[in-house]
Amino acid sequence: MKGRFTYLGQRPYGETTKLQETILGDVLEGQADTLLLLQHDPVLTLGANFHAENLLLTEAEYAAQGIEVVRTGRGGDVTFHGPGQLVIYPIFNLERHGKDLHKWMRELEETMILTARHFGLEAYRFPPNTGAWVNGNKLAAIGVKVRKWVSMHGIALNCGNDLAPFETIIPCGIQGYGVTSITKETGGQISVDQAWPVVKSAFEEVFDLELDLYSTGTCG
């Protein structure tokens, strides 16, 4: 099956949310599944299940650190995005992939398990929590929204990003567990530029896709 992908570099969160909405409309009208790969400017995103106590600072204190705070429509609680972290937005028509939300989430986790394996890491699932975990810490967070069986939002994979901002929140609302990165686990600096082609290949394998490069126009 054919699909499309693009790597957008570093983008503001709001800009890419609008882009996702546009592409979601295109996919609803029959366009190919589309994978967006990018980095975000520093931002805390608050999901549909957000609890205020999971922010350990005030919004003014986050702003003083250059971190935006944004409410979103995705599932989950709070997480951090910033440079050095790969953000992955699969805008896929799930009618082409089993039309099963549980299956979709497990397959997203599988893309991260395959990616981690490429870098010599044994990632795993940690039910009932979503995401991919390594050595007791979360490597990749997952939060999605599905509209008429087309998915948006997606995955945040820690590559070589600064993990300190995660200490100012309770990531995903999960007490007692930390956050890690490919760089921290391997002991070698792993960049987004090294990781995104691996993630693309993992999506092709898990979803039986051939992803062709395309331009998003205003953002591509």
C-alpha atoms as a PDB file:
ATOM      1  CA  MET A   1       0.000   0.000   0.000  1.00  0.00           C
ATOM      2  CA  LYS A   2       1.268   3.467  -0.855  1.00  0.00           C
ATOM      3  CA  GLY A   3       1.573   6.273   1.685  1.00  0.00           C
ATOM      4  CA  ARG A   4       3.334   9.612   2.062  1.00  0.00           C
ATOM      5  CA  PHE A   5       5.853  11.068   4.505  1.00  0.00           C
ATOM      6  CA  THR A   6       7.751  14.272   5.110  1.00  0.00           C
ATOM      7  CA  TYR A   7      10.294  15.541   7.621  1.00  0.00           C
ATOM      8  CA  LEU A   8       9.511  19.135   8.603  1.00  0.00           C
ATOM      9  CA  GLY A   9      12.436  20.052  10.848  1.00  0.00           C
ATOM     10  CA  GLN A  10      11.619  22.132  13.948  1.00  0.00           C
ATOM     11  CA  ARG A  11       8.142  23.699  13.991  1.00  0.00           C
ATOM     12  CA  PRO A  12       5.851  25.484  16.477  1.00  0.00           C
ATOM     13  CA  TYR A  13       3.182  23.237  17.944  1.00  0.00           C
ATOM     14  CA  GLY A  14       0.192  25.294  16.785  1.00  0.00           C
ATOM     15  CA  GLU A  15       1.388  25.417  13.184  1.00  0.00           C
ATOM     16  CA  THR A  16       1.619  21.651  12.906  1.00  0.00           C
ATOM     17  CA  THR A  17      -1.751  21.124  14.588  1.00  0.00           C
ATOM     18  CA  LYS A  18      -3.340  23.184  11.790  1.00  0.00           C
ATOM     19  CA  LEU A  19      -1.388  21.195   9.230  1.00  0.00           C
ATOM     20  CA  GLN A  20      -2.618  17.927  10.732  1.00  0.00           C
ATOM     21  CA  GLU A  21      -6.207  19.137  10.521  1.00  0.00           C
ATOM     22  CA  THR A  22      -5.762  19.966   6.839  1.00  0.00           C
ATOM     23  CA  ILE A  23      -4.190  16.604   6.041  1.00  0.00           C
ATOM     24  CA  LEU A  24      -6.832  14.766   8.072  1.00  0.00           C
ATOM     25  CA  GLY A  25      -9.472  16.324   5.823  1.00  0.00           C
ATOM     26  CA  ASP A  26      -7.526  15.184   2.759  1.00  0.00           C
ATOM     27  CA  VAL A  27      -7.228  11.628   4.084  1.00  0.00           C
ATOM     28  CA  LEU A  28     -10.955  11.566   4.850  1.00  0.00           C
ATOM     29  CA  GLU A  29     -11.506  12.422   1.181  1.00  0.00           C
ATOM     30  CA  GLY A  30      -9.379   9.484   0.053  1.00  0.00           C
ATOM     31  CA  GLN A  31      -5.792  10.739   0.058  1.00  0.00           C
ATOM     32  CA  ALA A  32      -3.000   8.382   1.109  1.00  0.00           C
ATOM     33  CA  ASP A  33      -1.984   7.757   4.712  1.00  0.00           C
ATOM     34  CA  THR A  34       0.456  10.514   5.694  1.00  0.00           C
ATOM     35  CA  LEU A  35       3.333  10.400   8.175  1.00  0.00           C
ATOM     36  CA  LEU A  36       4.673  13.705   9.521  1.00  0.00           C
ATOM     37  CA  LEU A  37       8.076  13.650  11.213  1.00  0.00           C
ATOM     38  CA  LEU A  38       9.324  16.757  13.028  1.00  0.00           C
ATOM     39  CA  GLN A  39      10.635  18.455  16.139  1.00  0.00           C
ATOM     40  CA  HIS A  40       8.763  21.046  18.196  1.00  0.00           C
ATOM     41  CA  ASP A  41       9.767  24.266  19.834  1.00  0.00           C
ATOM     42  CA  PRO A  42       9.650  23.744  23.652  1.00  0.00           C
ATOM     43  CA  VAL A  43       6.044  23.061  24.643  1.00  0.00           C
ATOM     44  CA  LEU A  44       3.996  21.216  27.238  1.00  0.00           C
ATOM     45  CA  THR A  45       0.893  19.671  25.713  1.00  0.00           C
ATOM     46  CA  LEU A  46      -2.114  18.874  27.881  1.00  0.00           C
ATOM     47  CA  GLY A  47      -4.265  15.975  26.699  1.00  0.00           C
ATOM     48  CA  ALA A  48      -7.947  15.239  27.183  1.00  0.00           C
ATOM     49  CA  ASN A  49      -7.213  13.438  30.482  1.00  0.00           C
ATOM     50  CA  PHE A  50      -5.019  16.224  31.888  1.00  0.00           C
ATOM     51  CA  HIS A  51      -4.964  16.759  35.653  1.00  0.00           C
ATOM     52  CA  ALA A  52      -3.684  20.136  36.885  1.00  0.00           C
ATOM     53  CA  GLU A  53      -1.618  18.597  39.687  1.00  0.00           C
ATOM     54  CA  ASN A  54       0.660  17.040  37.063  1.00  0.00           C
ATOM     55  CA  LEU A  55       2.114  20.486  36.288  1.00  0.00           C
ATOM     56  CA  LEU A  56       4.637  21.198  39.047  1.00  0.00           C
ATOM     57  CA  LEU A  57       5.200  24.840  38.072  1.00  0.00           C
ATOM     58  CA  THR A  58       2.900  27.713  37.111  1.00  0.00           C
ATOM     59  CA  GLU A  59       2.377  28.679  33.480  1.00  0.00           C
ATOM     60  CA  ALA A  60       4.332  31.878  34.188  1.00  0.00           C
ATOM     61  CA  GLU A  61       7.261  29.833  35.474  1.00  0.00           C
ATOM     62  CA  TYR A  62       7.181  27.644  32.365  1.00  0.00           C
ATOM     63  CA  ALA A  63       7.025  30.748  30.183  1.00  0.00           C
ATOM     64  CA  ALA A  64      10.110  32.107  31.950  1.00  0.00           C
ATOM     65  CA  GLN A  65      11.909  28.938  30.840  1.00  0.00           C
ATOM     66  CA  GLY A  66      10.738  29.448  27.255  1.00  0.00           C
ATOM     67  CA  ILE A  67       8.201  26.619  27.435  1.00  0.00           C
ATOM     68  CA  GLU A  68       4.711  27.126  25.988  1.00  0.00           C
ATOM     69  CA  VAL A  69       1.711  25.373  27.588  1.00  0.00           C
ATOM     70  CA  VAL A  70      -0.996  24.231  25.159  1.00  0.00           C
ATOM     71  CA  ARG A  71      -4.249  22.316  25.592  1.00  0.00           C
ATOM     72  CA  THR A  72      -4.802  19.681  22.908  1.00  0.00           C
ATOM     73  CA  GLY A  73      -7.462  17.263  21.740  1.00  0.00           C
ATOM     74  CA  ARG A  74      -5.301  14.157  21.968  1.00  0.00           C
ATOM     75  CA  GLY A  75      -5.695  11.463  24.575  1.00  0.00           C
ATOM     76  CA  GLY A  76      -3.523  11.230  27.657  1.00  0.00           C
ATOM     77  CA  ASP A  77      -2.279  13.743  30.211  1.00  0.00           C
ATOM     78  CA  VAL A  78       0.738  16.081  30.030  1.00  0.00           C
ATOM     79  CA  THR A  79       3.986  15.612  28.144  1.00  0.00           C
ATOM     80  CA  PHE A  80       6.883  17.730  26.945  1.00  0.00           C
ATOM     81  CA  HIS A  81       8.123  18.305  23.398  1.00  0.00           C
ATOM     82  CA  GLY A  82      11.341  20.057  22.488  1.00  0.00           C
ATOM     83  CA  PRO A  83      14.357  20.084  20.185  1.00  0.00           C
ATOM     84  CA  GLY A  84      16.140  16.739  19.974  1.00  0.00           C
ATOM     85  CA  GLN A  85      12.896  14.801  20.392  1.00  0.00           C
ATOM     86  CA  LEU A  86      11.311  13.232  17.317  1.00  0.00           C
ATOM     87  CA  VAL A  87       7.571  13.840  17.085  1.00  0.00           C
ATOM     88  CA  ILE A  88       5.685  11.445  14.819  1.00  0.00           C
ATOM     89  CA  TYR A  89       2.191  12.227  13.518  1.00  0.00           C
ATOM     90  CA  PRO A  90       0.659   9.344  11.539  1.00  0.00           C
ATOM     91  CA  ILE A  91      -2.485  10.695   9.880  1.00  0.00           C
ATOM     92  CA  PHE A  92      -3.800   7.319   8.791  1.00  0.00           C
ATOM     93  CA  ASN A  93      -7.210   6.026   7.784  1.00  0.00           C
ATOM     94  CA  LEU A  94      -7.716   3.202  10.256  1.00  0.00           C
ATOM     95  CA  GLU A  95     -10.264   1.555   7.991  1.00  0.00           C
ATOM     96  CA  ARG A  96      -7.178   0.486   6.011  1.00  0.00           C
ATOM     97  CA  HIS A  97      -5.507  -0.920   9.135  1.00  0.00           C
ATOM     98  CA  GLY A  98      -8.083  -3.040  10.926  1.00  0.00           C
ATOM     99  CA  LYS A  99     -10.486  -0.357  12.250  1.00  0.00           C
ATOM    100  CA  ASP A 100      -9.513  -1.304  15.809  1.00  0.00           C
ATOM    101  CA  LEU A 101      -8.229   1.320  18.259  1.00  0.00           C
ATOM    102  CA  HIS A 102      -6.554  -1.216  20.555  1.00  0.00           C
ATOM    103  CA  LYS A 103      -4.734  -2.726  17.577  1.00  0.00           C
ATOM    104  CA  TRP A 104      -3.724   0.766  16.403  1.00  0.00           C
ATOM    105  CA  MET A 105      -2.157   1.656  19.742  1.00  0.00           C
ATOM    106  CA  ARG A 106      -0.279  -1.646  19.961  1.00  0.00           C
ATOM    107  CA  GLU A 107       1.024  -1.182  16.415  1.00  0.00           C
ATOM    108  CA  LEU A 108       2.238   2.328  17.217  1.00  0.00           C
ATOM    109  CA  GLU A 109       4.085   0.844  20.175  1.00  0.00           C
ATOM    110  CA  GLU A 110       5.559  -1.779  17.854  1.00  0.00           C
ATOM    111  CA  THR A 111       7.080   0.923  15.622  1.00  0.00           C
ATOM    112  CA  MET A 112       8.917   2.253  18.669  1.00  0.00           C
ATOM    113  CA  ILE A 113      10.050  -1.216  19.773  1.00  0.00           C
ATOM    114  CA  LEU A 114      11.524  -1.790  16.304  1.00  0.00           C
ATOM    115  CA  THR A 115      13.168   1.637  16.316  1.00  0.00           C
ATOM    116  CA  ALA A 116      14.744   1.042  19.718  1.00  0.00           C
ATOM    117  CA  ARG A 117      16.013  -2.354  18.545  1.00  0.00           C
ATOM    118  CA  HIS A 118      17.808  -0.671  15.649  1.00  0.00           C
ATOM    119  CA  PHE A 119      19.836   1.273  18.232  1.00  0.00           C
ATOM    120  CA  GLY A 120      20.550  -1.849  20.301  1.00  0.00           C
ATOM    121  CA  LEU A 121      17.836  -1.284  22.919  1.00  0.00           C
ATOM    122  CA  GLU A 122      15.206  -3.763  24.076  1.00  0.00           C
ATOM    123  CA  ALA A 123      12.065  -1.660  24.443  1.00  0.00           C
ATOM    124  CA  TYR A 124       8.810  -3.172  25.706  1.00  0.00           C
ATOM    125  CA  ARG A 125       5.161  -2.444  26.461  1.00  0.00           C
ATOM    126  CA  PHE A 126       4.139  -1.693  30.043  1.00  0.00           C
ATOM    127  CA  PRO A 127       0.355  -2.229  30.385  1.00  0.00           C
ATOM    128  CA  PRO A 128      -1.886  -0.553  31.278  1.00  0.00           C
ATOM    129  CA  ASN A 129       0.321   2.396  30.315  1.00  0.00           C
ATOM    130  CA  THR A 130       0.813   3.144  26.634  1.00  0.00           C
ATOM    131  CA  GLY A 131       4.156   3.900  25.051  1.00  0.00           C
ATOM    132  CA  ALA A 132       7.518   2.185  24.755  1.00  0.00           C
ATOM    133  CA  TRP A 133       9.680   1.598  27.830  1.00  0.00           C
ATOM    134  CA  VAL A 134      13.353   0.806  28.407  1.00  0.00           C
ATOM    135  CA  ASN A 135      14.859  -0.236  31.757  1.00  0.00           C
ATOM    136  CA  GLY A 136      11.817   0.943  33.701  1.00  0.00           C
ATOM    137  CA  ASN A 137      11.602   4.377  32.087  1.00  0.00           C
ATOM    138  CA  LYS A 138       9.472   5.720  29.242  1.00  0.00           C
ATOM    139  CA  LEU A 139      11.297   6.165  25.944  1.00  0.00           C
ATOM    140  CA  ALA A 140       8.316   7.101  23.759  1.00  0.00           C
ATOM    141  CA  ALA A 141       4.957   8.607  24.727  1.00  0.00           C
ATOM    142  CA  ILE A 142       1.809   8.036  22.684  1.00  0.00           C
ATOM    143  CA  GLY A 143      -1.369  10.111  22.575  1.00  0.00           C
ATOM    144  CA  VAL A 144      -3.823  10.114  19.685  1.00  0.00           C
ATOM    145  CA  LYS A 145      -7.167  11.434  18.540  1.00  0.00           C
ATOM    146  CA  VAL A 146      -9.350   9.649  15.987  1.00  0.00           C
ATOM    147  CA  ARG A 147     -12.002  11.368  13.871  1.00  0.00           C
ATOM    148  CA  LYS A 148     -14.170   9.272  11.552  1.00  0.00           C
ATOM    149  CA  TRP A 149     -11.502   6.558  11.782  1.00  0.00           C
ATOM    150  CA  VAL A 150      -8.667   8.884  10.742  1.00  0.00           C
ATOM    151  CA  SER A 151      -5.986   9.343  13.396  1.00  0.00           C
ATOM    152  CA  MET A 152      -3.991  12.455  14.291  1.00  0.00           C
ATOM    153  CA  HIS A 153      -1.447  13.396  16.966  1.00  0.00           C
ATOM    154  CA  GLY A 154       0.810  10.435  17.744  1.00  0.00           C
ATOM    155  CA  ILE A 155       4.213   9.666  19.261  1.00  0.00           C
ATOM    156  CA  ALA A 156       7.060  11.550  20.948  1.00  0.00           C
ATOM    157  CA  LEU A 157      10.368   9.658  20.850  1.00  0.00           C
ATOM    158  CA  ASN A 158      13.191  10.963  23.017  1.00  0.00           C
ATOM    159  CA  CYS A 159      16.371  10.889  20.921  1.00  0.00           C
ATOM    160  CA  GLY A 160      18.975  13.358  22.163  1.00  0.00           C
ATOM    161  CA  ASN A 161      16.777  15.936  23.872  1.00  0.00           C
ATOM    162  CA  ASP A 162      17.292  17.550  27.259  1.00  0.00           C
ATOM    163  CA  LEU A 163      15.260  15.503  29.739  1.00  0.00           C
ATOM    164  CA  ALA A 164      15.296  18.154  32.492  1.00  0.00           C
ATOM    165  CA  PRO A 165      11.875  19.663  31.545  1.00  0.00           C
ATOM    166  CA  PHE A 166      10.252  16.305  32.365  1.00  0.00           C
ATOM    167  CA  GLU A 167      11.283  16.884  35.979  1.00  0.00           C
ATOM    168  CA  THR A 168       8.875  19.845  36.115  1.00  0.00           C
ATOM    169  CA  ILE A 169       5.844  17.652  35.311  1.00  0.00           C
ATOM    170  CA  ILE A 170       4.476  14.224  36.115  1.00  0.00           C
ATOM    171  CA  PRO A 171       4.846  12.837  32.580  1.00  0.00           C
ATOM    172  CA  CYS A 172       1.606  11.361  31.255  1.00  0.00           C
ATOM    173  CA  GLY A 173       0.302  11.512  34.828  1.00  0.00           C
ATOM    174  CA  ILE A 174       2.239   8.354  35.752  1.00  0.00           C
ATOM    175  CA  GLN A 175       3.715   8.506  39.250  1.00  0.00           C
ATOM    176  CA  GLY A 176       6.928   6.752  40.186  1.00  0.00           C
ATOM    177  CA  TYR A 177       8.503   6.283  36.758  1.00  0.00           C
ATOM    178  CA  GLY A 178      11.035   8.341  34.866  1.00  0.00           C
ATOM    179  CA  VAL A 179      11.714   9.285  31.276  1.00  0.00           C
ATOM    180  CA  THR A 180      14.690   8.245  29.196  1.00  0.00           C
ATOM    181  CA  SER A 181      16.141   8.777  25.719  1.00  0.00           C
ATOM    182  CA  ILE A 182      18.013   6.775  23.106  1.00  0.00           C
ATOM    183  CA  THR A 183      21.089   8.887  23.836  1.00  0.00           C
ATOM    184  CA  LYS A 184      20.914   8.248  27.589  1.00  0.00           C
ATOM    185  CA  GLU A 185      20.392   4.510  27.151  1.00  0.00           C
ATOM    186  CA  THR A 186      23.075   3.960  24.509  1.00  0.00           C
ATOM    187  CA  GLY A 187      25.666   6.381  25.857  1.00  0.00           C
ATOM    188  CA  GLY A 188      26.129   7.851  22.382  1.00  0.00           C
ATOM    189  CA  GLN A 189      24.564  11.045  21.071  1.00  0.00           C
ATOM    190  CA  ILE A 190      21.644  10.049  18.821  1.00  0.00           C
ATOM    191  CA  SER A 191      20.092  12.854  16.803  1.00  0.00           C
ATOM    192  CA  VAL A 192      16.651  13.223  15.287  1.00  0.00           C
ATOM    193  CA  ASP A 193      18.307  13.114  11.862  1.00  0.00           C
ATOM    194  CA  GLN A 194      19.615   9.639  12.705  1.00  0.00           C
ATOM    195  CA  ALA A 195      16.290   8.465  14.140  1.00  0.00           C
ATOM    196  CA  TRP A 196      13.629   9.617  11.711  1.00  0.00           C
ATOM    197  CA  PRO A 197      14.658   7.363   8.772  1.00  0.00           C
ATOM    198  CA  VAL A 198      14.586   4.406  11.180  1.00  0.00           C
ATOM    199  CA  VAL A 199      11.089   5.362  12.338  1.00  0.00           C
ATOM    200  CA  LYS A 200       9.917   5.708   8.741  1.00  0.00           C
ATOM    201  CA  SER A 201      11.172   2.184   7.985  1.00  0.00           C
ATOM    202  CA  ALA A 202       9.463   0.834  11.118  1.00  0.00           C
ATOM    203  CA  PHE A 203       6.138   2.324  10.003  1.00  0.00           C
ATOM    204  CA  GLU A 204       6.574   0.778   6.568  1.00  0.00           C
ATOM    205  CA  GLU A 205       7.197  -2.630   8.152  1.00  0.00           C
ATOM    206  CA  VAL A 206       4.424  -2.550  10.761  1.00  0.00           C
ATOM    207  CA  PHE A 207       1.734  -1.108   8.474  1.00  0.00           C
ATOM    208  CA  ASP A 208       2.863  -2.750   5.206  1.00  0.00           C
ATOM    209  CA  LEU A 209       3.318   0.614   3.525  1.00  0.00           C
ATOM    210  CA  GLU A 210       5.624   2.142   0.952  1.00  0.00           C
ATOM    211  CA  LEU A 211       6.037   5.754   2.048  1.00  0.00           C
ATOM    212  CA  ASP A 212       6.947   8.237  -0.687  1.00  0.00           C
ATOM    213  CA  LEU A 213       8.405  11.663   0.037  1.00  0.00           C
ATOM    214  CA  TYR A 214       6.060  14.573  -0.552  1.00  0.00           C
ATOM    215  CA  SER A 215       5.826  18.290   0.169  1.00  0.00           C
ATOM    216  CA  THR A 216       3.130  19.703   2.437  1.00  0.00           C
ATOM    217  CA  GLY A 217       3.194  23.013   0.566  1.00  0.00           C
ATOM    218  CA  THR A 218       3.098  25.803   3.159  1.00  0.00           C
ATOM    219  CA  CYS A 219       4.998  23.761   5.752  1.00  0.00           C
ATOM    220  CA  GLY A 220       6.959  21.365   3.595  1.00  0.00           C
END
